[in-house]
Structures are given as structure tokens and as C-alpha cells.
Protein backbone atom coordinates (compact mmCIF):
# COMPACT_ATOMS: atom_id res chain seq x y z
CA MET A 1 -10.93 7.63 14.02
CA ARG A 2 -14.15 7.41 15.63
CA ARG A 3 -14.02 4.19 16.92
CA LYS A 4 -10.80 4.33 19.03
CA GLU A 5 -10.86 0.55 20.21
CA LYS A 6 -10.32 -0.75 16.81
CA GLU A 7 -7.53 1.79 16.46
CA ILE A 8 -4.07 -0.05 15.40
CA LYS A 9 -1.32 2.43 17.22
CA ASP A 10 1.69 0.06 17.10
CA LEU A 11 3.71 0.88 14.30
CA ASN A 12 5.40 -2.88 14.40
CA GLN A 13 1.89 -3.99 14.15
CA ILE A 14 1.05 -1.60 11.19
CA SER A 15 4.24 -3.20 9.68
CA ARG A 16 2.68 -6.53 9.90
CA VAL A 17 -0.57 -5.92 8.44
CA ILE A 18 1.48 -4.12 5.60
CA LYS A 19 3.70 -7.12 5.36
CA ASN A 20 0.52 -9.36 5.00
CA CYS A 21 -0.97 -7.84 2.24
CA GLN A 22 -0.51 -8.70 -1.56
CA VAL A 23 -1.96 -5.42 -2.90
CA CYS A 24 -1.75 -1.62 -2.49
CA ARG A 25 -4.33 0.97 -3.39
CA LEU A 26 -2.78 4.25 -4.54
CA GLY A 27 -5.22 7.22 -4.27
CA LEU A 28 -4.11 9.80 -6.70
CA SER A 29 -5.73 13.07 -7.70
CA GLN A 30 -5.40 15.60 -10.39
CA ASP A 31 -7.48 18.59 -11.37
CA ASN A 32 -9.65 17.67 -8.15
CA VAL A 33 -10.49 14.46 -9.79
CA PRO A 34 -9.64 11.38 -7.77
CA TYR A 35 -7.92 8.10 -9.35
CA ILE A 36 -7.28 4.76 -7.49
CA VAL A 37 -5.22 2.06 -8.72
CA PRO A 38 -3.75 -1.11 -7.42
CA VAL A 39 -0.15 -1.69 -7.52
CA SER A 40 2.37 -4.52 -6.49
CA PHE A 41 4.61 -2.88 -3.76
CA GLY A 42 7.65 -3.30 -1.55
CA TYR A 43 8.03 -2.21 1.86
CA ASP A 44 11.02 -1.43 4.19
CA GLY A 45 9.48 -0.16 7.65
CA LYS A 46 9.18 3.54 6.51
CA THR A 47 8.93 3.58 2.78
CA ILE A 48 6.81 2.01 0.05
CA TYR A 49 8.09 1.10 -3.15
CA PHE A 50 6.14 0.63 -6.51
CA HIS A 51 7.12 0.31 -10.42
CA SER A 52 5.32 1.34 -13.24
CA ALA A 53 5.89 1.57 -17.12
CA LYS A 54 7.39 4.74 -18.70
CA ASP A 55 3.89 6.27 -19.77
CA GLY A 56 0.12 5.98 -18.24
CA LYS A 57 -2.56 7.63 -16.04
CA LYS A 58 -0.63 7.31 -13.05
CA ILE A 59 2.45 8.74 -14.23
CA ASP A 60 0.46 11.77 -15.87
CA ILE A 61 -1.00 12.53 -12.67
CA LEU A 62 2.37 11.87 -10.46
CA SER A 63 3.92 14.16 -12.82
CA VAL A 64 1.94 17.19 -11.57
CA ASN A 65 0.85 16.13 -8.11
CA ASN A 66 2.98 13.70 -6.20
CA ASN A 67 0.61 13.83 -2.68
CA VAL A 68 -0.68 10.11 -2.37
CA CYS A 69 -2.88 8.08 0.22
CA PHE A 70 -2.29 4.41 0.18
CA GLU A 71 -4.35 1.62 1.34
CA PHE A 72 -3.94 -2.06 2.60
CA GLU A 73 -6.53 -4.68 4.17
CA SER A 74 -5.78 -7.91 4.93
CA GLY A 75 -7.82 -10.78 6.88
CA VAL A 76 -11.40 -9.65 5.49
CA GLU A 77 -13.88 -12.15 5.99
CA ILE A 78 -17.97 -11.72 6.09
CA ILE A 79 -19.65 -12.12 9.23
CA SER A 80 -23.29 -12.91 8.36
CA ASP A 81 -26.60 -13.13 10.50
CA GLU A 82 -29.19 -15.37 9.38
CA VAL A 83 -32.11 -13.13 11.02
CA LYS A 84 -30.92 -9.50 10.69
CA PRO A 85 -29.66 -8.15 7.84
CA CYS A 86 -28.19 -4.89 9.62
CA ASN A 87 -25.66 -7.66 11.99
CA TRP A 88 -24.02 -8.17 8.69
CA SER A 89 -20.29 -7.31 9.17
CA PHE A 90 -16.61 -7.85 8.09
CA THR A 91 -13.52 -8.69 10.04
CA PHE A 92 -10.23 -6.86 8.79
CA GLN A 93 -7.12 -5.37 9.40
CA SER A 94 -6.35 -2.31 7.30
CA VAL A 95 -4.00 0.74 7.03
CA ILE A 96 -4.17 3.84 5.53
CA GLY A 97 -1.74 6.40 5.02
CA PHE A 98 -0.31 9.75 3.36
CA GLY A 99 2.91 10.54 1.52
CA LYS A 100 4.78 11.85 -1.25
CA ALA A 101 5.90 9.58 -4.30
CA GLU A 102 9.50 10.23 -5.62
CA GLU A 103 10.79 8.66 -8.58
CA LEU A 104 13.83 6.92 -8.16
CA SER A 105 16.45 7.51 -10.59
CA SER A 106 19.66 6.14 -9.98
CA ARG A 107 20.39 2.30 -11.01
CA GLU A 108 21.20 1.59 -7.13
CA ASP A 109 17.90 2.91 -6.08
CA LYS A 110 15.85 1.41 -8.54
CA VAL A 111 17.63 -2.07 -7.45
CA LYS A 112 16.83 -1.29 -4.14
CA GLY A 113 13.10 -0.70 -4.40
CA LEU A 114 12.70 -3.73 -7.00
CA LYS A 115 14.19 -5.95 -4.16
CA HIS A 116 11.83 -4.72 -1.73
CA ILE A 117 9.10 -5.56 -3.92
CA MET A 118 10.31 -8.96 -4.80
CA GLU A 119 10.81 -9.30 -0.90
CA GLN A 120 7.01 -9.03 -0.56
CA TYR A 121 6.23 -11.56 -2.99
CA SER A 122 8.99 -14.15 -2.52
CA ASP A 123 11.43 -15.63 -0.20
CA LYS A 124 14.37 -15.62 -2.88
CA LYS A 125 16.88 -12.91 -2.91
CA TRP A 126 16.70 -11.85 -6.51
CA GLU A 127 19.60 -10.10 -8.13
CA PHE A 128 18.86 -7.48 -10.80
CA THR A 129 22.54 -7.28 -12.45
CA ASP A 130 21.90 -8.12 -16.03
CA LEU A 131 18.43 -6.35 -16.42
CA PRO A 132 18.38 -3.46 -18.13
CA LEU A 133 15.89 -1.03 -16.07
CA ASN A 134 15.62 1.94 -18.63
CA GLY A 135 11.91 0.86 -19.71
CA LEU A 136 10.86 0.63 -16.03
CA ARG A 137 10.12 3.44 -13.50
CA VAL A 138 10.55 3.02 -9.74
CA TRP A 139 8.76 5.10 -7.03
CA ALA A 140 9.21 5.61 -3.47
CA ILE A 141 6.41 6.65 -1.41
CA ASN A 142 8.04 8.59 1.64
CA ILE A 143 5.18 8.09 4.58
CA GLU A 144 4.33 10.96 6.23
CA SER A 145 1.28 9.62 8.29
CA VAL A 146 -0.27 6.14 8.91
CA THR A 147 -2.96 4.53 10.79
CA GLY A 148 -4.45 1.24 11.44
CA LYS A 149 -7.53 0.04 12.25
CA GLN A 150 -8.88 -3.57 12.78
CA SER A 151 -12.37 -5.55 13.72
CA LEU A 152 -11.31 -9.09 14.63
CA ASP A 153 -14.85 -10.82 15.63
CA HIS A 154 -18.38 -9.93 15.82
CA ALA A 155 -18.17 -8.84 19.27
CA ASP A 156 -16.34 -5.99 17.80
CA GLN A 157 -19.37 -4.73 16.07
């Protein structure tokens, strides 16, 4: 990272940034063509979970290349300047990482992933005992590397 003073090194702080987010953006690639897709997600501190339908572009790509990049951001606010346009900036916290997506096959693993997804958006402890999961795919991204970055005020610019 070029601006080392903006780097978030503490993994607990990186986890807090992820927990404050509502959307994960997945970067995928097939035949040297990039594809970015926003997904709802869950996170347990070392694994990111997401779900999908049975078919679609995301599934087509993951079936041939399970390498993914993921991105989160929170606290995004514009910093404006009424005099100098080049002084405009943003406050933000972001996380970018890499890993491999693996489809979860057992009901137990799917339920675990779905519970983490629901924990991201709700304080309720959801149960999935009566739901058929055969029309749903659940994925785990095993995080291989992750970095965080933040710019919290105009003085950072």
C-alpha cells in the first residue's frame, strides 16, 4: 500500500469494518474478462459466506475459476471544498481481500453459512430446520489475504 499511514493492520479492526457493511462486492474472472457482482454476505472472522440461485453468470464463472477478490467499504462521505476542486475527497474505511470460493454441499454447512448471513443483517437467531435448501447454493470464501485502508478526515488527504 502506497499510503502506509492509511493502512488498517489490526485484524480486529478489519473485522469491524466488514461487520459494518451491508454489501460485499465480489470480483470474478473468466477468460481474462473481469466481472463484479454485489452480494449479501455473512462473516465469521475468517470466512465470508454468500448464497446464490442454482444458475447464473456468477455460477458459470465460479465453476471454472473459483479465485475471487472481495471488497467492502463503509463510512463513505464526501469532503467538499468551495474553492479548490482538487481538495474534494472522501472519508471511508475499506477492506479488499482474496480467496477461493467453495460451494457448500451438506445441509449442515449450508445452514451454518445462512446463519452467518442472517447474523450480518439481523439480531434474531434464525432457524432453518423446515426450509428446503435444494434450490439454493451457499458458498464460503476462505480468505487467503486481506488489507484494510481508511481515511477518516480531511487532514488525511
